Amino acid sequence: MNNCQVIQDLIPFVNAKVASEESRALVYKHSETCSECRKLLNTQYKENEYVNARRSLKSIKKHFIYFRAFFPGIGITIALILSHVMCSHIALSYSDIRWGIKYEGYSAPAYVAFFLSIPYLIAIIVTLTITFVYWKKRGVNNKRTSYRFVD
């Protein structure tokens, strides 16, 4: 019986994977012959798996909450970047067409450059629509989400 008490004291260390190889071998060898220690070893091993699975789920939930919090900001940032790129592209094209009319003899009017804004405007509208829909799906009553994590 004295040997079982020593083994039962070592089982939590074996399950936590902090026991030495000799201690682990001793526990496994003893658990082959002792049903009580084998049952304790299997029970604590399953409890450790449950705790580790729960921790990993909390971590995934935490990252998902951060993503939900920052997604609308990312969408608005993308829309702003697209609008800046659109403005610079149109300005460059407009000045190129004006120069071409003056020195190269282009026949198209300069306002044709504004047609280049159509794909950008579509992308901006789609980005803002997706961002708005996602923000609304977060919940009408959930305007301010608490991001505290309790362990």
Protein backbone atom coordinates (compact mmCIF):
# COMPACT_ATOMS: atom_id res chain seq x y z
CA MET A 1 0.00 0.00 0.00
CA ASN A 2 2.91 2.32 0.71
CA ASN A 3 4.08 1.94 -2.91
CA CYS A 4 0.61 3.02 -4.18
CA GLN A 5 0.78 6.24 -2.16
CA VAL A 6 4.11 7.13 -3.74
CA ILE A 7 2.76 6.37 -7.22
CA GLN A 8 -0.41 8.38 -6.58
CA ASP A 9 1.74 11.30 -5.53
CA LEU A 10 3.69 11.05 -8.81
CA ILE A 11 0.65 10.73 -11.12
CA PRO A 12 -0.13 14.48 -11.31
CA PHE A 13 3.49 15.18 -12.29
CA VAL A 14 3.39 12.46 -14.95
CA ASN A 15 0.17 13.88 -16.41
CA ALA A 16 1.58 17.40 -16.37
CA LYS A 17 4.66 16.04 -18.21
CA VAL A 18 7.09 17.41 -15.64
CA ALA A 19 8.15 14.07 -14.13
CA SER A 20 11.48 12.52 -15.07
CA GLU A 21 11.69 9.52 -17.39
CA GLU A 22 12.44 7.20 -14.44
CA SER A 23 9.40 8.42 -12.50
CA ARG A 24 7.19 8.13 -15.57
CA ALA A 25 8.40 4.59 -16.25
CA LEU A 26 7.81 3.65 -12.61
CA VAL A 27 4.25 5.00 -12.67
CA TYR A 28 3.39 3.25 -15.95
CA LYS A 29 4.91 -0.02 -14.79
CA HIS A 30 2.99 0.11 -11.51
CA SER A 31 -0.27 1.09 -13.22
CA GLU A 32 -0.11 -2.09 -15.33
CA THR A 33 -0.58 -4.18 -12.20
CA CYS A 34 -2.62 -1.83 -9.96
CA SER A 35 -6.15 -1.06 -11.19
CA GLU A 36 -6.69 1.77 -8.68
CA CYS A 37 -3.60 3.68 -9.79
CA ARG A 38 -4.41 3.00 -13.48
CA LYS A 39 -7.89 4.42 -12.98
CA LEU A 40 -6.44 7.51 -11.24
CA LEU A 41 -3.86 7.94 -14.02
CA ASN A 42 -6.53 7.80 -16.76
CA THR A 43 -8.95 10.07 -14.87
CA GLN A 44 -6.39 12.80 -14.26
CA TYR A 45 -5.16 12.53 -17.85
CA LYS A 46 -8.69 13.15 -19.18
CA GLU A 47 -9.14 16.10 -16.80
CA ASN A 48 -5.88 17.64 -18.06
CA GLU A 49 -7.04 17.21 -21.67
CA TYR A 50 -10.32 18.95 -20.80
CA VAL A 51 -8.52 21.86 -19.15
CA ASN A 52 -6.14 22.23 -22.13
CA ALA A 53 -9.02 22.13 -24.60
CA ARG A 54 -10.88 24.75 -22.62
CA ARG A 55 -7.83 27.02 -22.56
CA SER A 56 -7.38 26.73 -26.31
CA LEU A 57 -11.09 27.53 -26.87
CA LYS A 58 -10.75 30.62 -24.67
CA SER A 59 -7.74 31.69 -26.71
CA ILE A 60 -9.64 31.24 -29.98
CA LYS A 61 -12.62 33.15 -28.58
CA LYS A 62 -10.34 35.96 -27.42
CA HIS A 63 -8.78 36.32 -30.89
CA PHE A 64 -12.21 36.21 -32.54
CA ILE A 65 -13.49 38.98 -30.25
CA TYR A 66 -10.48 41.13 -31.15
CA PHE A 67 -11.16 40.48 -34.84
CA ARG A 68 -14.82 41.44 -34.40
CA ALA A 69 -13.77 44.63 -32.65
CA PHE A 70 -11.31 45.73 -35.32
CA PHE A 71 -13.02 44.51 -38.50
CA PRO A 72 -15.11 47.67 -39.08
CA GLY A 73 -12.00 49.79 -38.62
CA ILE A 74 -10.13 47.69 -41.15
CA GLY A 75 -12.97 48.08 -43.67
CA ILE A 76 -13.07 51.84 -43.26
CA THR A 77 -9.28 52.00 -43.59
CA ILE A 78 -9.40 50.04 -46.85
CA ALA A 79 -12.11 52.37 -48.17
CA LEU A 80 -9.99 55.42 -47.29
CA ILE A 81 -6.93 53.96 -48.98
CA LEU A 82 -8.97 53.20 -52.10
CA SER A 83 -10.31 56.76 -52.16
CA HIS A 84 -6.81 58.22 -51.90
CA VAL A 85 -5.51 55.96 -54.66
CA MET A 86 -8.52 56.87 -56.80
CA CYS A 87 -7.94 60.61 -56.35
CA SER A 88 -4.24 60.39 -57.18
CA HIS A 89 -4.88 58.18 -60.21
CA ILE A 90 -7.56 60.50 -61.58
CA ALA A 91 -5.44 63.60 -60.97
CA LEU A 92 -2.50 62.03 -62.75
CA SER A 93 -4.67 60.88 -65.67
CA TYR A 94 -6.40 64.26 -65.90
CA SER A 95 -3.12 66.11 -66.06
CA ASP A 96 -1.80 63.60 -68.60
CA ILE A 97 -4.86 64.10 -70.82
CA ARG A 98 -4.62 67.91 -70.46
CA TRP A 99 -0.96 67.76 -71.48
CA GLY A 100 -1.84 65.46 -74.40
CA ILE A 101 -4.57 67.84 -75.60
CA LYS A 102 -2.22 70.80 -75.46
CA TYR A 103 0.96 69.27 -76.90
CA GLU A 104 0.09 65.96 -78.60
CA GLY A 105 -3.25 66.80 -80.16
CA TYR A 106 -5.51 64.38 -78.27
CA SER A 107 -9.11 64.72 -79.34
CA ALA A 108 -10.79 63.43 -76.14
CA PRO A 109 -11.95 65.98 -73.59
CA ALA A 110 -10.09 66.06 -70.27
CA TYR A 111 -13.12 65.04 -68.20
CA VAL A 112 -12.79 61.51 -69.68
CA ALA A 113 -10.24 60.93 -66.92
CA PHE A 114 -13.08 60.93 -64.41
CA PHE A 115 -14.43 57.73 -65.95
CA LEU A 116 -11.44 56.04 -64.34
CA SER A 117 -13.07 56.61 -60.98
CA ILE A 118 -15.89 54.13 -61.64
CA PRO A 119 -14.03 50.94 -60.58
CA TYR A 120 -12.67 52.70 -57.51
CA LEU A 121 -16.09 53.99 -56.53
CA ILE A 122 -17.57 50.50 -56.88
CA ALA A 123 -14.81 49.03 -54.69
CA ILE A 124 -15.30 51.74 -52.05
CA ILE A 125 -19.07 51.23 -51.99
CA VAL A 126 -18.70 47.43 -51.72
CA THR A 127 -16.13 47.74 -48.92
CA LEU A 128 -18.24 50.17 -46.92
CA THR A 129 -21.39 48.05 -47.47
CA ILE A 130 -19.68 44.89 -46.21
CA THR A 131 -18.30 46.79 -43.23
CA PHE A 132 -21.70 48.27 -42.40
CA VAL A 133 -23.50 44.91 -42.73
CA TYR A 134 -20.91 43.23 -40.51
CA TRP A 135 -21.18 46.02 -37.96
CA LYS A 136 -24.98 45.67 -37.90
CA LYS A 137 -24.74 41.89 -37.47
CA ARG A 138 -22.82 42.42 -34.26
CA GLY A 139 -26.16 43.32 -32.75
CA VAL A 140 -28.32 46.37 -32.34
CA ASN A 141 -28.30 46.12 -28.55
CA ASN A 142 -24.60 45.33 -28.50
CA LYS A 143 -23.28 48.75 -29.47
CA ARG A 144 -20.59 48.69 -26.83
CA THR A 145 -19.10 45.24 -26.42
CA SER A 146 -17.21 44.45 -23.25
CA TYR A 147 -13.85 42.93 -24.01
CA ARG A 148 -12.97 41.79 -20.52
CA PHE A 149 -11.78 38.23 -20.21
CA VAL A 150 -12.45 36.34 -17.04
CA ASP A 151 -10.51 33.13 -16.40
